[in-house]
């Protein structure tokens, strides 16, 4: 019975050790964000200038997403999603998935935040600055990658 109990403690110890190793691999030295967690960092006029059309005021959905409506009668929308804490780990995980598959699916975008990528098929632009990750959904918005890059750069300047 002591042998079985000892075996259980050893297995639990190994599991804890492996979890710690994985945690260290995923650890980043990203600076935690201490500012205001308002997802509508940009005004409607700023977003409108990047889109070259009028934009309604951004509407917060919780503290993680800002929805901007634009187009004829506000029938199109742009969602900008924030991961305020743990964004560096989320970015590392999302970008790391391509290495598991062995295919380069993200395109690096230089000069925006600490790192930025255009997702497969131009479906999104993800940007990280410090421990904050920003995801601009290009599928639902119909935005060009160029407009998304300008929006992401402006957000990075504000973080």
C-alpha atoms as a PDB file:
ATOM      1  CA  UNK A   1       0.000   0.000   0.000  1.00  0.00           C
ATOM      2  CA  UNK A   2       2.917   2.354   0.754  1.00  0.00           C
ATOM      3  CA  UNK A   3       4.345   1.593  -2.675  1.00  0.00           C
ATOM      4  CA  UNK A   4       1.044   2.596  -4.370  1.00  0.00           C
ATOM      5  CA  UNK A   5       0.811   5.799  -2.300  1.00  0.00           C
ATOM      6  CA  UNK A   6       4.425   6.646  -3.129  1.00  0.00           C
ATOM      7  CA  UNK A   7       3.731   6.014  -6.815  1.00  0.00           C
ATOM      8  CA  UNK A   8       0.749   8.394  -6.717  1.00  0.00           C
ATOM      9  CA  UNK A   9       2.845  11.139  -5.095  1.00  0.00           C
ATOM     10  CA  UNK A  10       5.560  10.651  -7.708  1.00  0.00           C
ATOM     11  CA  UNK A  11       3.069  10.892 -10.590  1.00  0.00           C
ATOM     12  CA  UNK A  12       1.531  14.036  -9.066  1.00  0.00           C
ATOM     13  CA  UNK A  13       5.019  15.534  -8.688  1.00  0.00           C
ATOM     14  CA  UNK A  14       5.892  14.800 -12.344  1.00  0.00           C
ATOM     15  CA  UNK A  15       2.603  16.316 -13.570  1.00  0.00           C
ATOM     16  CA  UNK A  16       3.238  19.465 -11.521  1.00  0.00           C
ATOM     17  CA  UNK A  17       6.809  19.667 -12.833  1.00  0.00           C
ATOM     18  CA  UNK A  18       5.681  19.297 -16.461  1.00  0.00           C
ATOM     19  CA  UNK A  19       2.995  21.960 -15.995  1.00  0.00           C
ATOM     20  CA  UNK A  20       5.658  24.303 -14.604  1.00  0.00           C
ATOM     21  CA  UNK A  21       7.921  23.625 -17.617  1.00  0.00           C
ATOM     22  CA  UNK A  22       5.093  24.409 -20.046  1.00  0.00           C
ATOM     23  CA  UNK A  23       4.285  27.548 -18.073  1.00  0.00           C
ATOM     24  CA  UNK A  24       7.904  28.712 -18.366  1.00  0.00           C
ATOM     25  CA  UNK A  25       7.881  28.054 -22.123  1.00  0.00           C
ATOM     26  CA  UNK A  26       4.768  30.177 -22.549  1.00  0.00           C
ATOM     27  CA  UNK A  27       6.003  32.922 -20.196  1.00  0.00           C
ATOM     28  CA  UNK A  28       6.727  36.243 -21.759  1.00  0.00           C
ATOM     29  CA  UNK A  29       8.463  39.329 -20.480  1.00  0.00           C
ATOM     30  CA  UNK A  30       5.663  41.565 -21.716  1.00  0.00           C
ATOM     31  CA  UNK A  31       4.945  44.674 -19.687  1.00  0.00           C
ATOM     32  CA  UNK A  32       1.528  44.433 -18.006  1.00  0.00           C
ATOM     33  CA  UNK A  33      -0.946  47.081 -19.110  1.00  0.00           C
ATOM     34  CA  UNK A  34      -1.963  49.491 -16.348  1.00  0.00           C
ATOM     35  CA  UNK A  35      -3.997  52.027 -18.323  1.00  0.00           C
ATOM     36  CA  UNK A  36      -7.728  52.400 -18.859  1.00  0.00           C
ATOM     37  CA  UNK A  37      -9.406  49.330 -20.343  1.00  0.00           C
ATOM     38  CA  UNK A  38     -11.751  51.165 -22.683  1.00  0.00           C
ATOM     39  CA  UNK A  39     -11.874  49.318 -26.016  1.00  0.00           C
ATOM     40  CA  UNK A  40     -13.032  52.425 -27.898  1.00  0.00           C
ATOM     41  CA  UNK A  41      -9.614  54.081 -27.882  1.00  0.00           C
ATOM     42  CA  UNK A  42     -10.182  55.742 -31.252  1.00  0.00           C
ATOM     43  CA  UNK A  43     -12.815  58.332 -32.045  1.00  0.00           C
ATOM     44  CA  UNK A  44     -15.257  57.836 -34.888  1.00  0.00           C
ATOM     45  CA  UNK A  45     -13.572  60.653 -36.839  1.00  0.00           C
ATOM     46  CA  UNK A  46     -10.166  58.932 -36.519  1.00  0.00           C
ATOM     47  CA  UNK A  47     -11.550  55.608 -37.736  1.00  0.00           C
ATOM     48  CA  UNK A  48     -13.502  57.440 -40.458  1.00  0.00           C
ATOM     49  CA  UNK A  49     -10.304  59.056 -41.720  1.00  0.00           C
ATOM     50  CA  UNK A  50      -8.696  55.617 -42.127  1.00  0.00           C
ATOM     51  CA  UNK A  51     -11.788  54.219 -43.869  1.00  0.00           C
ATOM     52  CA  UNK A  52     -12.435  57.353 -45.951  1.00  0.00           C
ATOM     53  CA  UNK A  53     -16.091  57.343 -44.975  1.00  0.00           C
ATOM     54  CA  UNK A  54     -18.269  58.473 -42.054  1.00  0.00           C
ATOM     55  CA  UNK A  55     -18.229  56.258 -38.963  1.00  0.00           C
ATOM     56  CA  UNK A  56     -20.687  56.281 -36.082  1.00  0.00           C
ATOM     57  CA  UNK A  57     -19.329  56.596 -32.548  1.00  0.00           C
ATOM     58  CA  UNK A  58     -17.788  53.395 -31.255  1.00  0.00           C
ATOM     59  CA  UNK A  59     -19.966  51.312 -28.954  1.00  0.00           C
ATOM     60  CA  UNK A  60     -18.317  49.297 -26.191  1.00  0.00           C
ATOM     61  CA  UNK A  61     -19.378  45.709 -25.663  1.00  0.00           C
ATOM     62  CA  UNK A  62     -18.019  45.120 -22.208  1.00  0.00           C
ATOM     63  CA  UNK A  63     -14.413  46.166 -21.832  1.00  0.00           C
ATOM     64  CA  UNK A  64     -13.073  43.887 -24.553  1.00  0.00           C
ATOM     65  CA  UNK A  65     -14.725  44.955 -27.821  1.00  0.00           C
ATOM     66  CA  UNK A  66     -15.505  48.195 -29.584  1.00  0.00           C
ATOM     67  CA  UNK A  67     -17.946  48.117 -32.476  1.00  0.00           C
ATOM     68  CA  UNK A  68     -17.798  50.910 -35.037  1.00  0.00           C
ATOM     69  CA  UNK A  69     -20.660  51.157 -37.546  1.00  0.00           C
ATOM     70  CA  UNK A  70     -20.032  52.664 -40.961  1.00  0.00           C
ATOM     71  CA  UNK A  71     -21.258  52.527 -44.528  1.00  0.00           C
ATOM     72  CA  UNK A  72     -24.657  53.387 -45.935  1.00  0.00           C
ATOM     73  CA  UNK A  73     -26.910  53.803 -42.903  1.00  0.00           C
ATOM     74  CA  UNK A  74     -24.313  52.171 -40.651  1.00  0.00           C
ATOM     75  CA  UNK A  75     -24.949  48.776 -42.233  1.00  0.00           C
ATOM     76  CA  UNK A  76     -21.315  47.638 -41.945  1.00  0.00           C
ATOM     77  CA  UNK A  77     -19.385  47.129 -38.753  1.00  0.00           C
ATOM     78  CA  UNK A  78     -15.815  46.980 -37.574  1.00  0.00           C
ATOM     79  CA  UNK A  79     -15.074  45.014 -34.406  1.00  0.00           C
ATOM     80  CA  UNK A  80     -11.850  45.741 -32.543  1.00  0.00           C
ATOM     81  CA  UNK A  81     -11.241  43.203 -29.774  1.00  0.00           C
ATOM     82  CA  UNK A  82      -8.782  43.602 -26.893  1.00  0.00           C
ATOM     83  CA  UNK A  83      -7.112  41.080 -24.622  1.00  0.00           C
ATOM     84  CA  UNK A  84      -5.959  43.386 -21.839  1.00  0.00           C
ATOM     85  CA  UNK A  85      -4.194  40.796 -19.707  1.00  0.00           C
ATOM     86  CA  UNK A  86      -2.366  37.765 -21.049  1.00  0.00           C
ATOM     87  CA  UNK A  87      -2.274  39.172 -24.577  1.00  0.00           C
ATOM     88  CA  UNK A  88       1.379  38.245 -25.031  1.00  0.00           C
ATOM     89  CA  UNK A  89       0.649  34.623 -24.183  1.00  0.00           C
ATOM     90  CA  UNK A  90      -2.439  34.606 -26.412  1.00  0.00           C
ATOM     91  CA  UNK A  91      -0.393  36.034 -29.307  1.00  0.00           C
ATOM     92  CA  UNK A  92       2.374  33.505 -28.738  1.00  0.00           C
ATOM     93  CA  UNK A  93      -0.182  30.692 -28.712  1.00  0.00           C
ATOM     94  CA  UNK A  94      -2.051  31.895 -31.814  1.00  0.00           C
ATOM     95  CA  UNK A  95       1.106  32.518 -33.799  1.00  0.00           C
ATOM     96  CA  UNK A  96       2.720  29.333 -32.473  1.00  0.00           C
ATOM     97  CA  UNK A  97      -0.088  27.175 -33.880  1.00  0.00           C
ATOM     98  CA  UNK A  98       1.329  27.668 -37.375  1.00  0.00           C
ATOM     99  CA  UNK A  99       4.603  26.085 -36.305  1.00  0.00           C
ATOM    100  CA  UNK A 100       2.786  23.015 -35.042  1.00  0.00           C
ATOM    101  CA  UNK A 101       1.107  22.655 -38.423  1.00  0.00           C
ATOM    102  CA  UNK A 102       4.456  23.320 -40.112  1.00  0.00           C
ATOM    103  CA  UNK A 103       3.008  25.908 -42.477  1.00  0.00           C
ATOM    104  CA  UNK A 104       3.649  29.646 -42.347  1.00  0.00           C
ATOM    105  CA  UNK A 105       0.121  31.027 -42.322  1.00  0.00           C
ATOM    106  CA  UNK A 106       0.617  34.427 -40.670  1.00  0.00           C
ATOM    107  CA  UNK A 107       2.286  37.309 -42.470  1.00  0.00           C
ATOM    108  CA  UNK A 108       4.414  39.566 -40.294  1.00  0.00           C
ATOM    109  CA  UNK A 109       3.579  43.279 -40.403  1.00  0.00           C
ATOM    110  CA  UNK A 110       6.500  45.503 -39.449  1.00  0.00           C
ATOM    111  CA  UNK A 111       6.356  48.713 -37.441  1.00  0.00           C
ATOM    112  CA  UNK A 112       3.138  48.174 -35.487  1.00  0.00           C
ATOM    113  CA  UNK A 113       3.325  47.683 -31.715  1.00  0.00           C
ATOM    114  CA  UNK A 114       5.733  45.009 -30.478  1.00  0.00           C
ATOM    115  CA  UNK A 115       4.550  42.570 -33.136  1.00  0.00           C
ATOM    116  CA  UNK A 116       1.732  42.364 -35.641  1.00  0.00           C
ATOM    117  CA  UNK A 117       0.510  39.731 -38.096  1.00  0.00           C
ATOM    118  CA  UNK A 118      -2.005  39.435 -40.874  1.00  0.00           C
ATOM    119  CA  UNK A 119      -3.945  36.213 -40.282  1.00  0.00           C
ATOM    120  CA  UNK A 120      -4.465  33.537 -42.959  1.00  0.00           C
ATOM    121  CA  UNK A 121      -6.468  34.693 -45.941  1.00  0.00           C
ATOM    122  CA  UNK A 122      -6.409  38.285 -44.687  1.00  0.00           C
ATOM    123  CA  UNK A 123      -9.121  37.373 -42.174  1.00  0.00           C
ATOM    124  CA  UNK A 124      -7.763  39.500 -39.326  1.00  0.00           C
ATOM    125  CA  UNK A 125      -4.935  41.684 -38.198  1.00  0.00           C
ATOM    126  CA  UNK A 126      -3.580  40.880 -34.747  1.00  0.00           C
ATOM    127  CA  UNK A 127      -1.242  43.260 -32.972  1.00  0.00           C
ATOM    128  CA  UNK A 128       0.458  43.106 -29.597  1.00  0.00           C
ATOM    129  CA  UNK A 129       1.939  45.872 -27.514  1.00  0.00           C
ATOM    130  CA  UNK A 130       3.199  44.860 -24.095  1.00  0.00           C
ATOM    131  CA  UNK A 131       0.711  42.408 -22.648  1.00  0.00           C
ATOM    132  CA  UNK A 132      -2.237  43.708 -24.695  1.00  0.00           C
ATOM    133  CA  UNK A 133      -3.349  41.931 -27.867  1.00  0.00           C
ATOM    134  CA  UNK A 134      -5.671  43.621 -30.363  1.00  0.00           C
ATOM    135  CA  UNK A 135      -7.634  41.687 -32.977  1.00  0.00           C
ATOM    136  CA  UNK A 136      -9.224  43.551 -35.889  1.00  0.00           C
ATOM    137  CA  UNK A 137     -11.672  41.302 -37.695  1.00  0.00           C
ATOM    138  CA  UNK A 138     -11.379  41.884 -41.437  1.00  0.00           C
ATOM    139  CA  UNK A 139     -13.915  39.263 -42.551  1.00  0.00           C
ATOM    140  CA  UNK A 140     -16.989  40.863 -41.045  1.00  0.00           C
ATOM    141  CA  UNK A 141     -15.837  44.432 -41.635  1.00  0.00           C
ATOM    142  CA  UNK A 142     -14.708  44.180 -45.233  1.00  0.00           C
ATOM    143  CA  UNK A 143     -11.707  46.383 -44.414  1.00  0.00           C
ATOM    144  CA  UNK A 144      -8.517  46.307 -46.391  1.00  0.00           C
ATOM    145  CA  UNK A 145      -5.338  45.179 -44.678  1.00  0.00           C
ATOM    146  CA  UNK A 146      -3.925  48.671 -45.248  1.00  0.00           C
ATOM    147  CA  UNK A 147      -6.777  50.348 -43.323  1.00  0.00           C
ATOM    148  CA  UNK A 148      -6.478  47.773 -40.524  1.00  0.00           C
ATOM    149  CA  UNK A 149      -2.731  48.429 -40.273  1.00  0.00           C
ATOM    150  CA  UNK A 150      -3.355  52.167 -39.885  1.00  0.00           C
ATOM    151  CA  UNK A 151      -5.985  51.562 -37.199  1.00  0.00           C
ATOM    152  CA  UNK A 152      -3.718  49.097 -35.350  1.00  0.00           C
ATOM    153  CA  UNK A 153      -0.784  51.536 -35.476  1.00  0.00           C
ATOM    154  CA  UNK A 154      -2.929  54.316 -33.987  1.00  0.00           C
ATOM    155  CA  UNK A 155      -4.158  51.979 -31.226  1.00  0.00           C
ATOM    156  CA  UNK A 156      -0.561  50.900 -30.502  1.00  0.00           C
ATOM    157  CA  UNK A 157       0.401  54.566 -30.111  1.00  0.00           C
ATOM    158  CA  UNK A 158      -2.330  54.977 -27.483  1.00  0.00           C
ATOM    159  CA  UNK A 159      -1.451  51.919 -25.407  1.00  0.00           C
END
